[in-house]
Amino acid sequence: MKAKDSERKQGVLDVTTTEARRRFLEEKYILDFQMLFRTRARRNQMLAAWAASKLGRFSVDAYLKEIQLVDEAVSGDDDVIQKILADLRSTGQRFEEGDLRSMMNEMMFDAAEALEADGRRSPDCCRMRQDGGD
């Protein structure tokens, strides 16, 4: 009889542990996705500021909106790269795609560091609740 009770309790513990792990992984996936989204958005802001200055545009916000529209059309960075290269080339500037990709990768790291620093300054930002509640 004790063996069956022990097996039953172990089964409940396994289900509870599995369910808790599943919830944790779901929350982690969502937070990771949100962080990637925010990092790309911050990187695109940095990229728009850089490109706008190269293009002689006064409104970084307007150029950022152009980049956001292009980025929303197709996932990935290729569409953004092609737009910026076309804009640079239309003003007679020579810029290689590989150089732009490298710069975007560096900006991605800079954006992640900036968001991390923002999170340290704002303790309630982007932190998972420790009590497990909603």
N, C-alpha and C. Protein backbone atom coordinates (compact mmCIF):
# COMPACT_ATOMS: atom_id res chain seq x y z
N MET A 1 0.82 -1.20 0.00
CA MET A 1 0.00 0.00 0.00
C MET A 1 0.86 1.26 0.00
N LYS A 2 1.93 1.26 0.81
CA LYS A 2 2.81 2.42 0.87
C LYS A 2 3.49 2.65 -0.47
N ALA A 3 3.81 1.59 -1.17
CA ALA A 3 4.47 1.71 -2.47
C ALA A 3 3.56 2.44 -3.45
N LYS A 4 2.25 2.10 -3.46
CA LYS A 4 1.32 2.76 -4.37
C LYS A 4 1.16 4.23 -4.01
N ASP A 5 1.08 4.55 -2.72
CA ASP A 5 0.98 5.95 -2.30
C ASP A 5 2.22 6.73 -2.72
N SER A 6 3.37 6.11 -2.56
CA SER A 6 4.62 6.75 -2.95
C SER A 6 4.66 6.99 -4.46
N GLU A 7 4.23 5.98 -5.23
CA GLU A 7 4.20 6.13 -6.69
C GLU A 7 3.23 7.23 -7.10
N ARG A 8 2.08 7.27 -6.43
CA ARG A 8 1.08 8.28 -6.75
C ARG A 8 1.62 9.68 -6.44
N LYS A 9 2.27 9.85 -5.29
CA LYS A 9 2.84 11.15 -4.93
C LYS A 9 3.95 11.53 -5.89
N GLN A 10 4.78 10.54 -6.27
CA GLN A 10 5.86 10.83 -7.23
C GLN A 10 5.28 11.26 -8.57
N GLY A 11 4.19 10.63 -9.00
CA GLY A 11 3.54 11.02 -10.25
C GLY A 11 3.01 12.43 -10.19
N VAL A 12 2.44 12.82 -9.07
CA VAL A 12 1.94 14.19 -8.89
C VAL A 12 3.10 15.16 -8.91
N LEU A 13 4.20 14.81 -8.22
CA LEU A 13 5.37 15.68 -8.23
C LEU A 13 5.94 15.83 -9.63
N ASP A 14 6.01 14.74 -10.39
CA ASP A 14 6.52 14.79 -11.75
C ASP A 14 5.66 15.72 -12.62
N VAL A 15 4.34 15.59 -12.50
CA VAL A 15 3.44 16.44 -13.28
C VAL A 15 3.59 17.89 -12.86
N THR A 16 3.65 18.13 -11.54
CA THR A 16 3.79 19.50 -11.04
C THR A 16 5.12 20.09 -11.49
N THR A 17 6.19 19.33 -11.39
CA THR A 17 7.50 19.80 -11.80
C THR A 17 7.53 20.05 -13.30
N THR A 18 6.96 19.15 -14.06
CA THR A 18 6.92 19.31 -15.52
C THR A 18 6.11 20.54 -15.90
N GLU A 19 4.99 20.73 -15.25
CA GLU A 19 4.13 21.89 -15.54
C GLU A 19 4.85 23.20 -15.19
N ALA A 20 5.52 23.21 -14.04
CA ALA A 20 6.25 24.41 -13.63
C ALA A 20 7.38 24.70 -14.61
N ARG A 21 8.08 23.68 -15.04
CA ARG A 21 9.17 23.85 -16.01
C ARG A 21 8.63 24.35 -17.34
N ARG A 22 7.50 23.81 -17.78
CA ARG A 22 6.88 24.25 -19.03
C ARG A 22 6.51 25.73 -18.95
N ARG A 23 5.90 26.14 -17.83
CA ARG A 23 5.53 27.55 -17.65
C ARG A 23 6.77 28.44 -17.65
N PHE A 24 7.82 27.99 -16.94
CA PHE A 24 9.06 28.75 -16.89
C PHE A 24 9.64 28.92 -18.30
N LEU A 25 9.69 27.84 -19.07
CA LEU A 25 10.25 27.91 -20.42
C LEU A 25 9.41 28.80 -21.34
N GLU A 26 8.09 28.74 -21.19
CA GLU A 26 7.22 29.62 -21.98
C GLU A 26 7.50 31.09 -21.65
N GLU A 27 7.59 31.40 -20.36
CA GLU A 27 7.86 32.77 -19.95
C GLU A 27 9.23 33.22 -20.44
N LYS A 28 10.22 32.34 -20.34
CA LYS A 28 11.56 32.66 -20.79
C LYS A 28 11.56 32.91 -22.30
N TYR A 29 10.88 32.07 -23.06
CA TYR A 29 10.80 32.25 -24.51
C TYR A 29 10.17 33.60 -24.84
N ILE A 30 9.09 33.93 -24.17
CA ILE A 30 8.41 35.20 -24.42
C ILE A 30 9.32 36.37 -24.08
N LEU A 31 9.99 36.30 -22.93
CA LEU A 31 10.90 37.38 -22.54
C LEU A 31 12.08 37.50 -23.51
N ASP A 32 12.62 36.36 -23.95
CA ASP A 32 13.72 36.39 -24.92
C ASP A 32 13.26 37.01 -26.23
N PHE A 33 12.07 36.65 -26.69
CA PHE A 33 11.54 37.20 -27.93
C PHE A 33 11.32 38.71 -27.79
N GLN A 34 10.76 39.12 -26.66
CA GLN A 34 10.54 40.55 -26.44
C GLN A 34 11.86 41.30 -26.40
N MET A 35 12.87 40.71 -25.77
CA MET A 35 14.17 41.37 -25.69
C MET A 35 14.79 41.49 -27.08
N LEU A 36 14.68 40.43 -27.89
CA LEU A 36 15.20 40.50 -29.25
C LEU A 36 14.48 41.59 -30.05
N PHE A 37 13.17 41.67 -29.89
CA PHE A 37 12.37 42.69 -30.59
C PHE A 37 12.82 44.09 -30.18
N ARG A 38 12.98 44.30 -28.86
CA ARG A 38 13.41 45.62 -28.37
C ARG A 38 14.84 45.94 -28.82
N THR A 39 15.69 44.93 -28.84
CA THR A 39 17.08 45.15 -29.25
C THR A 39 17.14 45.53 -30.72
N ARG A 40 16.37 44.84 -31.56
CA ARG A 40 16.35 45.19 -32.99
C ARG A 40 15.78 46.59 -33.19
N ALA A 41 14.76 46.94 -32.43
CA ALA A 41 14.18 48.29 -32.55
C ALA A 41 15.21 49.35 -32.16
N ARG A 42 15.94 49.11 -31.07
CA ARG A 42 16.97 50.06 -30.64
C ARG A 42 18.09 50.13 -31.67
N ARG A 43 18.48 48.98 -32.21
CA ARG A 43 19.52 48.94 -33.24
C ARG A 43 19.07 49.73 -34.47
N ASN A 44 17.81 49.58 -34.85
CA ASN A 44 17.30 50.32 -36.01
C ASN A 44 17.27 51.83 -35.75
N GLN A 45 17.04 52.23 -34.50
CA GLN A 45 17.12 53.66 -34.17
C GLN A 45 18.54 54.17 -34.36
N MET A 46 19.49 53.40 -33.89
CA MET A 46 20.90 53.78 -34.03
C MET A 46 21.29 53.82 -35.51
N LEU A 47 20.84 52.84 -36.25
CA LEU A 47 21.14 52.76 -37.67
C LEU A 47 20.51 53.92 -38.43
N ALA A 48 19.28 54.26 -38.08
CA ALA A 48 18.60 55.38 -38.74
C ALA A 48 19.33 56.69 -38.46
N ALA A 49 19.80 56.86 -37.24
CA ALA A 49 20.54 58.09 -36.90
C ALA A 49 21.83 58.17 -37.70
N TRP A 50 22.54 57.05 -37.81
CA TRP A 50 23.78 57.02 -38.58
C TRP A 50 23.51 57.32 -40.06
N ALA A 51 22.54 56.60 -40.62
CA ALA A 51 22.24 56.75 -42.05
C ALA A 51 21.71 58.14 -42.36
N ALA A 52 20.86 58.67 -41.51
CA ALA A 52 20.31 60.01 -41.72
C ALA A 52 21.42 61.05 -41.75
N SER A 53 22.40 60.89 -40.88
CA SER A 53 23.52 61.85 -40.88
C SER A 53 24.34 61.71 -42.15
N LYS A 54 24.55 60.49 -42.63
CA LYS A 54 25.29 60.26 -43.88
C LYS A 54 24.54 60.83 -45.08
N LEU A 55 23.21 60.75 -45.01
CA LEU A 55 22.37 61.20 -46.12
C LEU A 55 22.05 62.68 -46.06
N GLY A 56 22.42 63.33 -44.97
CA GLY A 56 22.13 64.74 -44.81
C GLY A 56 20.68 65.02 -44.48
N ARG A 57 20.01 64.03 -43.91
CA ARG A 57 18.61 64.21 -43.52
C ARG A 57 18.55 64.81 -42.13
N PHE A 58 17.63 65.75 -41.97
CA PHE A 58 17.51 66.43 -40.69
C PHE A 58 16.62 65.67 -39.71
N SER A 59 15.66 64.93 -40.23
CA SER A 59 14.72 64.23 -39.36
C SER A 59 15.09 62.75 -39.25
N VAL A 60 15.72 62.40 -38.15
CA VAL A 60 16.04 61.00 -37.89
C VAL A 60 14.75 60.21 -37.72
N ASP A 61 13.76 60.80 -37.06
CA ASP A 61 12.49 60.11 -36.83
C ASP A 61 11.80 59.75 -38.14
N ALA A 62 11.83 60.65 -39.10
CA ALA A 62 11.20 60.37 -40.40
C ALA A 62 11.94 59.23 -41.10
N TYR A 63 13.26 59.24 -41.04
CA TYR A 63 14.02 58.17 -41.68
C TYR A 63 13.82 56.85 -40.94
N LEU A 64 13.72 56.90 -39.62
CA LEU A 64 13.43 55.70 -38.84
C LEU A 64 12.09 55.11 -39.25
N LYS A 65 11.10 55.94 -39.47
CA LYS A 65 9.79 55.44 -39.91
C LYS A 65 9.91 54.73 -41.26
N GLU A 66 10.72 55.27 -42.16
CA GLU A 66 10.94 54.62 -43.45
C GLU A 66 11.57 53.24 -43.26
N ILE A 67 12.55 53.16 -42.39
CA ILE A 67 13.21 51.89 -42.11
C ILE A 67 12.23 50.90 -41.47
N GLN A 68 11.42 51.39 -40.54
CA GLN A 68 10.44 50.52 -39.88
C GLN A 68 9.44 49.96 -40.88
N LEU A 69 9.00 50.78 -41.82
CA LEU A 69 8.05 50.31 -42.84
C LEU A 69 8.67 49.21 -43.69
N VAL A 70 9.91 49.40 -44.08
CA VAL A 70 10.61 48.39 -44.88
C VAL A 70 10.81 47.13 -44.05
N ASP A 71 11.19 47.28 -42.79
CA ASP A 71 11.46 46.14 -41.92
C ASP A 71 10.21 45.32 -41.65
N GLU A 72 9.06 45.98 -41.57
CA GLU A 72 7.80 45.27 -41.32
C GLU A 72 7.36 44.45 -42.52
N ALA A 73 7.76 44.85 -43.71
CA ALA A 73 7.32 44.17 -44.92
C ALA A 73 7.87 42.75 -45.02
N VAL A 74 9.13 42.57 -44.66
CA VAL A 74 9.78 41.26 -44.76
C VAL A 74 10.62 41.05 -43.51
N SER A 75 10.56 39.85 -42.95
CA SER A 75 11.37 39.60 -41.76
C SER A 75 12.84 39.48 -42.15
N GLY A 76 13.70 39.80 -41.21
CA GLY A 76 15.13 39.76 -41.47
C GLY A 76 15.67 41.15 -41.77
N ASP A 77 16.98 41.20 -41.98
CA ASP A 77 17.64 42.49 -42.17
C ASP A 77 17.89 42.84 -43.63
N ASP A 78 17.72 41.90 -44.53
CA ASP A 78 18.07 42.15 -45.94
C ASP A 78 17.35 43.34 -46.54
N ASP A 79 16.07 43.48 -46.24
CA ASP A 79 15.30 44.60 -46.80
C ASP A 79 15.79 45.94 -46.27
N VAL A 80 16.15 45.97 -44.99
CA VAL A 80 16.67 47.20 -44.38
C VAL A 80 18.02 47.55 -45.01
N ILE A 81 18.86 46.54 -45.15
CA ILE A 81 20.18 46.75 -45.75
C ILE A 81 20.05 47.29 -47.17
N GLN A 82 19.18 46.68 -47.95
CA GLN A 82 19.02 47.12 -49.34
C GLN A 82 18.49 48.54 -49.43
N LYS A 83 17.59 48.91 -48.53
CA LYS A 83 17.06 50.28 -48.54
C LYS A 83 18.16 51.29 -48.22
N ILE A 84 18.91 51.02 -47.17
CA ILE A 84 19.96 51.95 -46.77
C ILE A 84 21.04 52.05 -47.84
N LEU A 85 21.43 50.90 -48.40
CA LEU A 85 22.42 50.92 -49.49
C LEU A 85 21.92 51.73 -50.67
N ALA A 86 20.66 51.54 -51.05
CA ALA A 86 20.09 52.28 -52.17
C ALA A 86 20.08 53.78 -51.87
N ASP A 87 19.71 54.13 -50.64
CA ASP A 87 19.68 55.55 -50.26
C ASP A 87 21.08 56.16 -50.30
N LEU A 88 22.06 55.42 -49.76
CA LEU A 88 23.44 55.91 -49.77
C LEU A 88 23.95 56.06 -51.21
N ARG A 89 23.68 55.06 -52.02
CA ARG A 89 24.15 55.10 -53.41
C ARG A 89 23.47 56.18 -54.22
N SER A 90 22.22 56.50 -53.85
CA SER A 90 21.50 57.56 -54.58
C SER A 90 22.14 58.94 -54.35
N THR A 91 22.90 59.05 -53.28
CA THR A 91 23.60 60.32 -53.01
C THR A 91 25.06 60.25 -53.46
N GLY A 92 25.42 59.16 -54.17
CA GLY A 92 26.76 59.03 -54.69
C GLY A 92 27.76 58.43 -53.73
N GLN A 93 27.29 57.95 -52.60
CA GLN A 93 28.20 57.36 -51.62
C GLN A 93 28.40 55.87 -51.92
N ARG A 94 29.63 55.43 -51.80
CA ARG A 94 29.93 54.02 -52.02
C ARG A 94 30.05 53.35 -50.65
N PHE A 95 29.23 52.37 -50.46
CA PHE A 95 29.25 51.63 -49.20
C PHE A 95 28.98 50.18 -49.53
N GLU A 96 29.80 49.29 -49.03
CA GLU A 96 29.67 47.85 -49.32
C GLU A 96 28.67 47.19 -48.37
N GLU A 97 27.94 46.24 -48.90
CA GLU A 97 26.95 45.53 -48.11
C GLU A 97 27.57 44.85 -46.90
N GLY A 98 28.72 44.21 -47.08
CA GLY A 98 29.40 43.53 -45.97
C GLY A 98 29.76 44.49 -44.85
N ASP A 99 30.19 45.70 -45.23
CA ASP A 99 30.53 46.70 -44.21
C ASP A 99 29.29 47.13 -43.43
N LEU A 100 28.18 47.29 -44.16
CA LEU A 100 26.93 47.69 -43.50
C LEU A 100 26.44 46.58 -42.57
N ARG A 101 26.53 45.33 -43.01
CA ARG A 101 26.13 44.20 -42.16
C ARG A 101 26.99 44.15 -40.88
N SER A 102 28.29 44.34 -41.04
CA SER A 102 29.18 44.34 -39.87
C SER A 102 28.81 45.45 -38.90
N MET A 103 28.53 46.62 -39.45
CA MET A 103 28.16 47.75 -38.60
C MET A 103 26.83 47.46 -37.89
N MET A 104 25.88 46.86 -38.60
CA MET A 104 24.60 46.52 -37.98
C MET A 104 24.78 45.51 -36.86
N ASN A 105 25.68 44.54 -37.05
CA ASN A 105 25.96 43.56 -35.99
C ASN A 105 26.54 44.24 -34.77
N GLU A 106 27.47 45.16 -34.98
CA GLU A 106 28.04 45.91 -33.87
C GLU A 106 26.97 46.73 -33.16
N MET A 107 26.10 47.35 -33.94
CA MET A 107 25.01 48.14 -33.36
C MET A 107 24.05 47.26 -32.56
N MET A 108 23.88 46.01 -32.98
CA MET A 108 23.02 45.09 -32.26
C MET A 108 23.58 44.85 -30.86
N PHE A 109 24.88 44.65 -30.77
CA PHE A 109 25.52 44.48 -29.46
C PHE A 109 25.40 45.76 -28.64
N ASP A 110 25.64 46.90 -29.27
CA ASP A 110 25.51 48.18 -28.56
C ASP A 110 24.09 48.39 -28.05
N ALA A 111 23.11 48.02 -28.87
CA ALA A 111 21.71 48.17 -28.48
C ALA A 111 21.38 47.26 -27.30
N ALA A 112 21.88 46.04 -27.34
CA ALA A 112 21.63 45.10 -26.23
C ALA A 112 22.25 45.63 -24.94
N GLU A 113 23.46 46.16 -25.04
CA GLU A 113 24.11 46.73 -23.86
C GLU A 113 23.34 47.94 -23.34
N ALA A 114 22.85 48.77 -24.24
CA ALA A 114 22.08 49.95 -23.82
C ALA A 114 20.79 49.54 -23.12
N LEU A 115 20.11 48.53 -23.66
CA LEU A 115 18.88 48.06 -23.02
C LEU A 115 19.17 47.44 -21.66
N GLU A 116 20.27 46.73 -21.56
CA GLU A 116 20.65 46.14 -20.28
C GLU A 116 20.94 47.24 -19.26
N ALA A 117 21.64 48.27 -19.70
CA ALA A 117 21.93 49.40 -18.80
C ALA A 117 20.64 50.10 -18.39
N ASP A 118 19.71 50.26 -19.32
CA ASP A 118 18.42 50.86 -19.00
C ASP A 118 17.69 50.02 -17.95
N GLY A 119 17.78 48.69 -18.09
CA GLY A 119 17.13 47.79 -17.14
C GLY A 119 17.71 47.90 -15.75
N ARG A 120 19.02 48.14 -15.67
CA ARG A 120 19.66 48.30 -14.35
C ARG A 120 19.22 49.59 -13.70
N ARG A 121 18.98 50.62 -14.52
CA ARG A 121 18.54 51.90 -13.97
C ARG A 121 17.07 51.86 -13.57
N SER A 122 16.30 50.99 -14.21
CA SER A 122 14.87 50.89 -13.94
C SER A 122 14.57 49.50 -13.41
N PRO A 123 14.54 49.31 -12.10
CA PRO A 123 14.43 47.97 -11.53
C PRO A 123 13.17 47.21 -11.90
N ASP A 124 12.09 47.88 -12.24
CA ASP A 124 10.86 47.18 -12.57
C ASP A 124 10.80 46.77 -14.04
N CYS A 125 11.75 47.21 -14.83
CA CYS A 125 11.71 46.96 -16.27
C CYS A 125 12.10 45.53 -16.61
N CYS A 126 11.21 44.86 -17.31
CA CYS A 126 11.52 43.58 -17.94
C CYS A 126 11.98 42.49 -16.98
N ARG A 127 11.57 42.52 -15.76
CA ARG A 127 11.98 41.49 -14.83
C ARG A 127 10.85 40.49 -14.63
N MET A 128 11.21 39.21 -14.57
CA MET A 128 10.23 38.18 -14.34
C MET A 128 9.79 38.25 -12.88
N ARG A 129 8.52 38.08 -12.64
CA ARG A 129 8.03 38.13 -11.27
C ARG A 129 8.56 36.96 -10.48
N GLN A 130 9.05 37.23 -9.30
CA GLN A 130 9.64 36.21 -8.47
C GLN A 130 8.57 35.37 -7.75
N ASP A 131 7.37 35.92 -7.57
CA ASP A 131 6.34 35.18 -6.84
C ASP A 131 5.59 34.20 -7.73
N GLY A 132 5.86 34.20 -9.04
CA GLY A 132 5.21 33.26 -9.95
C GLY A 132 3.79 33.65 -10.29
N GLY A 133 3.31 34.78 -9.81
CA GLY A 133 1.94 35.20 -10.10
C GLY A 133 1.87 36.04 -11.34
N ASP A 134 0.66 36.42 -11.68
CA ASP A 134 0.45 37.27 -12.88
C ASP A 134 0.48 38.70 -12.56
